[in-house]
Amino acid sequence: MERIFNFKIYTIVILLLSMSVYGAIDCNKQSYLLLELHYKDGLITYLDHSTKVGCAPGSLKAGNFKIEVLDKDKLIYSSMFQDPSKMFVDVGENNKISGGLVDVGEKKFYLAVPAVEEANVKIYNNENVQVLNADIQSTQSVTRSRNVGLFGWVEDLLRNVSALLK
């Protein structure tokens, strides 16, 4: 009797743990914005953006620049990134590798941030001076996972099992 009870407890714990992981990695129902930016002489210019399906990026805590994404004046994402004008290059010649950090001066680069239909993107340099303030209207709809937590996971599981049994 005690073995059956312990088995049920372990099964419930495993299900609860797997639901958390399942809900956290369901990137097919999430979106992120891919920002196209231009860097020249310490200034960053917003060029364009696109909405992509997938998980939003994590946050970095080190770098020369800080990016913030706001939704209706509420901060939803903050991260750091390195100076886009610096590029590490390796050159192989005559079985010797050389290279290092090169200053390219002017560069187009991309940053991925969580998707928001009406985002305000701010970028600050290492002296905390704002170098970009862009309002971005996403023309594509932003979708979020509607099934979160225990019941959403169970609904998805039942739907998938039902589809397999048909």
Foldseek 3Di string as FASTA:
>chain_A
DVVVVVVVVVVVVVLQVVQQVVQVAPQQQFKKKKWKWKDAPHAIDTDDIAIDGGDFDDAADDEFKKKFKDDPNHTDDIHHHYDPQWDWDWDADPNDIDTGIDGNRIDIDIDIGGDDQWIWMWMAGNVRHTRDTDTDHHPDDGGDDPQHGDVSVVVVVVVVVVVVVD
